[in-house]
Amino acid sequence: MLFKNRELVVIGGGPAGLAAAVAARQAGVRDVLLIEREDYLGGILNQCIHNGFGREIFKEALSGPEYAQIFIDQLKQSDIECWTGTLVTELTAEKKITACNQQGLHLVCANAVILSMGCRERTRAAIGIPGTRPAGIYTAGVAQNFINLKNRMPGKRFFILGSGDIGLIMARRLTLEGAEVLGVAEKLPYPGGLPRNITQCLEDFNIPLYLNHTLTDIYGEHRITGVSIAKVGPRGGILAGSSRKLACDTLLLSVGLIP
């Protein structure tokens, strides 16, 4: 085991971790270590190839990779040490960090630690959708990773549950890649994404948005064959007689994030 003492350790090399490390160094912290699980920096922005980032900070519309690269360049221009391909397995109350990579096991004792590990998407299990358990059910971010980073299409006929921005952007992305998007269901009476994404990702491609609707069933044995959606009443219950079945081979979930 390799032992190190550090003034500041930042866990997570996405945009928040990069910005925090750079800001700390600029504020006078001389000994900064950034630890990232993946083999490359930038975090989730590497798969967000659409533009719209940077409007507030840089006053221009950038893609996710372009936005992240600005902070990566700032990091490289400083003397901040960066460990990529390194997994943190433990953080104690005494700020002792256990991490592992190809060089072995590391124990780092830090004066301060910044946590910037991002968040995870809610899955089917988190929201309790009934029905069978076939293949072809993904979170929107996983499907985005498949298409934008791995060049893999996860299906042909899609339905999307949840009108968050990731789901809306994926509706457009899938359509541009030749897939058919049957619609987007949102249980609230208003969409969860930005107005520009409603226009650019759904209306411009004639993709239906079902407000006050939710998923009530999933069908399929080995691969998903369809879903049922129904209208949600003013008190949250399913309205009788409002159910309809849609044939699809893939379901994307855009139903919120967990820190």
Protein backbone atom coordinates (compact mmCIF):
# COMPACT_ATOMS: atom_id res chain seq x y z
CA MET A 1 0.00 0.00 0.00
CA LEU A 2 1.26 3.46 -0.96
CA PHE A 3 0.82 6.24 1.65
CA LYS A 4 0.48 9.94 0.85
CA ASN A 5 -0.43 13.09 2.78
CA ARG A 6 -2.26 15.77 0.77
CA GLU A 7 -3.61 19.20 1.55
CA LEU A 8 -6.76 18.81 -0.57
CA VAL A 9 -8.25 15.83 -2.41
CA VAL A 10 -11.06 16.26 -4.94
CA ILE A 11 -12.98 13.06 -5.70
CA GLY A 12 -14.58 13.21 -9.13
CA GLY A 13 -13.19 14.61 -12.38
CA GLY A 14 -16.36 15.94 -13.94
CA PRO A 15 -16.97 19.67 -14.49
CA ALA A 16 -17.67 20.32 -10.79
CA GLY A 17 -14.55 18.52 -9.61
CA LEU A 18 -12.38 20.16 -12.26
CA ALA A 19 -13.69 23.63 -11.43
CA ALA A 20 -13.26 23.02 -7.70
CA ALA A 21 -9.67 21.83 -8.09
CA VAL A 22 -8.74 24.78 -10.30
CA ALA A 23 -10.47 27.28 -7.99
CA ALA A 24 -8.72 25.84 -4.94
CA ARG A 25 -5.35 26.10 -6.63
CA GLN A 26 -6.05 29.70 -7.68
CA ALA A 27 -7.05 30.48 -4.10
CA GLY A 28 -3.65 29.39 -2.83
CA VAL A 29 -3.99 25.70 -2.03
CA ARG A 30 -0.67 24.35 -3.28
CA ASP A 31 -1.11 20.60 -2.85
CA VAL A 32 -4.23 19.45 -4.76
CA LEU A 33 -4.95 15.88 -5.87
CA LEU A 34 -7.89 15.04 -8.14
CA ILE A 35 -9.09 11.42 -8.35
CA GLU A 36 -11.29 10.20 -11.22
CA ARG A 37 -12.71 6.69 -11.70
CA GLU A 38 -12.78 6.81 -15.52
CA ASP A 39 -9.71 6.84 -17.74
CA TYR A 40 -10.53 10.37 -18.91
CA LEU A 41 -11.66 13.62 -17.34
CA GLY A 42 -14.89 15.47 -18.09
CA GLY A 43 -17.45 13.20 -16.49
CA ILE A 44 -20.94 12.99 -17.96
CA LEU A 45 -20.28 15.92 -20.31
CA ASN A 46 -18.24 13.67 -22.60
CA GLN A 47 -21.46 12.04 -23.79
CA CYS A 48 -23.47 15.30 -23.94
CA ILE A 49 -22.61 16.26 -27.52
CA HIS A 50 -25.50 18.72 -27.84
CA ASN A 51 -24.84 22.42 -27.31
CA GLY A 52 -26.25 24.79 -24.72
CA PHE A 53 -23.55 24.53 -22.08
CA GLY A 54 -21.55 27.61 -21.09
CA ARG A 55 -24.28 30.19 -21.62
CA GLU A 56 -23.98 31.54 -18.08
CA ILE A 57 -20.24 31.28 -17.41
CA PHE A 58 -18.67 31.70 -20.87
CA LYS A 59 -21.52 33.54 -22.63
CA GLU A 60 -21.56 31.13 -25.56
CA ALA A 61 -23.32 27.87 -26.42
CA LEU A 62 -20.86 24.99 -26.15
CA SER A 63 -21.20 21.23 -26.44
CA GLY A 64 -20.57 19.16 -23.33
CA PRO A 65 -17.06 18.06 -24.40
CA GLU A 66 -16.13 21.65 -25.36
CA TYR A 67 -17.34 22.93 -22.00
CA ALA A 68 -15.42 20.27 -20.08
CA GLN A 69 -12.25 20.83 -22.14
CA ILE A 70 -11.98 24.42 -20.92
CA PHE A 71 -11.63 23.18 -17.33
CA ILE A 72 -9.36 20.30 -18.38
CA ASP A 73 -7.04 22.82 -20.07
CA GLN A 74 -7.04 24.98 -16.93
CA LEU A 75 -6.14 21.92 -14.87
CA LYS A 76 -3.27 21.03 -17.19
CA GLN A 77 -1.91 24.57 -16.99
CA SER A 78 -1.66 24.28 -13.21
CA ASP A 79 0.44 21.84 -11.20
CA ILE A 80 -2.55 19.87 -9.94
CA GLU A 81 -1.87 16.14 -9.78
CA CYS A 82 -4.56 13.96 -11.35
CA TRP A 83 -5.15 10.23 -10.95
CA THR A 84 -7.46 8.82 -13.64
CA GLY A 85 -8.55 5.20 -13.76
CA THR A 86 -8.60 5.27 -9.95
CA LEU A 87 -11.49 4.03 -7.82
CA VAL A 88 -12.05 5.37 -4.31
CA THR A 89 -13.26 2.48 -2.14
CA GLU A 90 -13.39 4.17 1.27
CA LEU A 91 -13.48 7.60 2.90
CA THR A 92 -13.32 7.75 6.68
CA ALA A 93 -14.41 10.49 9.08
CA GLU A 94 -10.71 11.27 9.59
CA LYS A 95 -10.47 12.07 5.85
CA LYS A 96 -8.43 8.97 5.06
CA ILE A 97 -9.04 7.83 1.49
CA THR A 98 -8.45 4.32 0.18
CA ALA A 99 -8.13 4.14 -3.60
CA CYS A 100 -6.96 1.56 -6.10
CA ASN A 101 -5.64 1.63 -9.66
CA GLN A 102 -3.21 -0.30 -11.83
CA GLN A 103 -0.30 0.88 -9.69
CA GLY A 104 -1.84 -0.75 -6.60
CA LEU A 105 -3.64 0.29 -3.42
CA HIS A 106 -3.24 3.84 -2.12
CA LEU A 107 -3.98 5.38 1.27
CA VAL A 108 -4.24 9.16 1.13
CA CYS A 109 -4.56 11.29 4.26
CA ALA A 110 -6.12 14.65 3.39
CA ASN A 111 -6.53 17.88 5.30
CA ALA A 112 -9.73 18.50 3.32
CA VAL A 113 -11.84 16.54 0.83
CA ILE A 114 -14.25 17.79 -1.84
CA LEU A 115 -16.85 15.29 -3.03
CA SER A 116 -17.97 15.80 -6.64
CA MET A 117 -19.06 12.35 -7.77
CA GLY A 118 -22.15 13.54 -9.60
CA CYS A 119 -25.42 11.65 -9.39
CA ARG A 120 -27.21 8.55 -10.67
CA GLU A 121 -30.40 8.24 -12.65
CA ARG A 122 -33.47 6.74 -11.03
CA THR A 123 -34.12 3.26 -12.36
CA ARG A 124 -37.28 1.22 -12.80
CA ALA A 125 -36.79 -0.25 -9.33
CA ALA A 126 -36.69 3.24 -7.79
CA ILE A 127 -40.15 4.16 -9.10
CA GLY A 128 -41.80 0.74 -8.96
CA ILE A 129 -43.23 0.24 -12.48
CA PRO A 130 -45.27 -3.00 -12.63
CA GLY A 131 -45.03 -5.61 -15.37
CA THR A 132 -42.57 -8.20 -16.62
CA ARG A 133 -38.79 -7.81 -16.51
CA PRO A 134 -37.56 -8.03 -20.11
CA ALA A 135 -34.46 -6.60 -21.74
CA GLY A 136 -34.68 -3.22 -23.45
CA ILE A 137 -35.30 -0.94 -20.46
CA TYR A 138 -32.64 1.77 -20.01
CA THR A 139 -32.20 5.08 -18.31
CA ALA A 140 -31.90 7.94 -20.79
CA GLY A 141 -28.28 8.59 -19.80
CA VAL A 142 -27.26 4.98 -20.44
CA ALA A 143 -28.83 5.13 -23.92
CA GLN A 144 -26.99 8.41 -24.52
CA ASN A 145 -23.72 6.72 -23.53
CA PHE A 146 -24.41 3.82 -25.91
CA ILE A 147 -25.06 6.07 -28.90
CA ASN A 148 -22.65 8.98 -28.38
CA LEU A 149 -19.64 7.16 -26.92
CA LYS A 150 -19.99 3.53 -28.01
CA ASN A 151 -21.79 3.98 -31.36
CA ARG A 152 -24.45 1.40 -30.39
CA MET A 153 -28.20 1.72 -31.02
CA PRO A 154 -30.14 0.23 -28.11
CA GLY A 155 -33.38 -0.27 -30.08
CA LYS A 156 -35.66 0.74 -32.95
CA ARG A 157 -39.05 1.73 -31.48
CA PHE A 158 -38.81 3.77 -28.29
CA PHE A 159 -41.10 5.13 -25.65
CA ILE A 160 -39.78 7.59 -23.05
CA LEU A 161 -41.11 7.99 -19.51
CA GLY A 162 -40.37 11.39 -17.99
CA SER A 163 -39.92 14.77 -19.65
CA GLY A 164 -36.61 15.77 -18.09
CA ASP A 165 -34.04 17.38 -20.36
CA ILE A 166 -32.05 14.17 -20.85
CA GLY A 167 -35.14 12.33 -22.03
CA LEU A 168 -36.15 15.16 -24.36
CA ILE A 169 -32.67 15.42 -25.87
CA MET A 170 -32.59 11.65 -26.36
CA ALA A 171 -35.94 11.77 -28.17
CA ARG A 172 -34.32 14.04 -30.76
CA ARG A 173 -31.06 12.09 -30.85
CA LEU A 174 -32.81 8.78 -31.44
CA THR A 175 -34.96 10.27 -34.19
CA LEU A 176 -31.89 11.67 -35.94
CA GLU A 177 -30.31 8.21 -35.77
CA GLY A 178 -33.30 6.68 -37.57
CA ALA A 179 -35.28 5.30 -34.63
CA GLU A 180 -38.99 5.85 -34.08
CA VAL A 181 -39.96 7.61 -30.86
CA LEU A 182 -43.61 6.91 -30.08
CA GLY A 183 -43.91 9.58 -27.44
CA VAL A 184 -42.95 10.97 -24.05
CA ALA A 185 -45.15 10.54 -20.97
CA GLU A 186 -45.09 12.99 -18.04
CA LYS A 187 -47.26 12.51 -14.95
CA LEU A 188 -47.32 16.23 -14.15
CA PRO A 189 -49.51 18.73 -16.03
CA TYR A 190 -46.40 20.49 -17.33
CA PRO A 191 -43.08 19.23 -18.81
CA GLY A 192 -39.97 18.95 -16.67
CA GLY A 193 -37.47 20.07 -19.32
CA LEU A 194 -36.52 23.47 -20.65
CA PRO A 195 -38.99 25.14 -23.04
CA ARG A 196 -36.38 25.20 -25.81
CA ASN A 197 -35.96 21.42 -25.52
CA ILE A 198 -39.72 20.91 -25.76
CA THR A 199 -39.68 22.89 -29.01
CA GLN A 200 -36.42 21.65 -30.53
CA CYS A 201 -36.60 18.00 -29.43
CA LEU A 202 -40.30 17.15 -29.55
CA GLU A 203 -42.36 19.67 -31.52
CA ASP A 204 -39.83 20.00 -34.34
CA PHE A 205 -39.96 16.22 -34.85
CA ASN A 206 -43.70 15.74 -34.22
CA ILE A 207 -43.07 13.56 -31.16
CA PRO A 208 -46.16 13.47 -28.89
CA LEU A 209 -45.92 14.65 -25.28
CA TYR A 210 -48.49 13.01 -23.03
CA LEU A 211 -48.94 15.26 -20.00
CA ASN A 212 -50.78 13.90 -16.96
CA HIS A 213 -49.81 10.39 -18.11
CA THR A 214 -47.74 7.63 -16.58
CA LEU A 215 -46.66 4.08 -17.34
CA THR A 216 -48.93 1.39 -15.92
CA ASP A 217 -47.50 -1.84 -17.36
CA ILE A 218 -44.57 -3.34 -19.26
CA TYR A 219 -44.96 -6.32 -21.61
CA GLY A 220 -42.48 -8.80 -23.00
CA GLU A 221 -40.67 -11.99 -22.07
CA HIS A 222 -37.10 -11.82 -23.37
CA ARG A 223 -37.30 -8.34 -24.93
CA ILE A 224 -39.85 -5.64 -24.19
CA THR A 225 -42.74 -5.73 -26.68
CA GLY A 226 -44.85 -2.85 -25.42
CA VAL A 227 -46.03 -0.62 -22.60
CA SER A 228 -49.34 0.66 -21.31
CA ILE A 229 -49.83 4.31 -20.43
CA ALA A 230 -52.80 5.89 -18.71
CA LYS A 231 -53.99 9.32 -17.66
CA VAL A 232 -53.35 10.53 -14.12
CA GLY A 233 -56.23 12.14 -12.28
CA PRO A 234 -56.08 15.39 -10.28
CA ARG A 235 -55.40 13.45 -7.08
CA GLY A 236 -52.73 11.23 -8.60
CA GLY A 237 -54.76 8.09 -9.31
CA ILE A 238 -55.15 6.38 -12.67
CA LEU A 239 -58.34 7.41 -14.49
CA ALA A 240 -60.47 4.41 -15.40
CA GLY A 241 -60.76 3.72 -19.10
CA SER A 242 -57.79 5.92 -20.06
CA SER A 243 -55.25 3.12 -20.57
CA ARG A 244 -53.71 2.50 -23.99
CA LYS A 245 -51.09 -0.01 -25.14
CA LEU A 246 -48.16 0.99 -27.36
CA ALA A 247 -45.90 -1.49 -29.14
CA CYS A 248 -42.19 -0.74 -28.66
CA ASP A 249 -38.91 -2.62 -28.25
CA THR A 250 -37.18 -0.13 -25.92
CA LEU A 251 -38.21 1.96 -22.93
CA LEU A 252 -36.15 4.91 -21.72
CA LEU A 253 -36.55 6.31 -18.23
CA SER A 254 -35.94 10.01 -17.56
CA VAL A 255 -37.45 10.17 -14.09
CA GLY A 256 -35.00 12.13 -11.99
CA LEU A 257 -31.58 11.87 -10.39
CA ILE A 258 -30.22 10.55 -7.08
CA PRO A 259 -27.19 12.36 -5.55
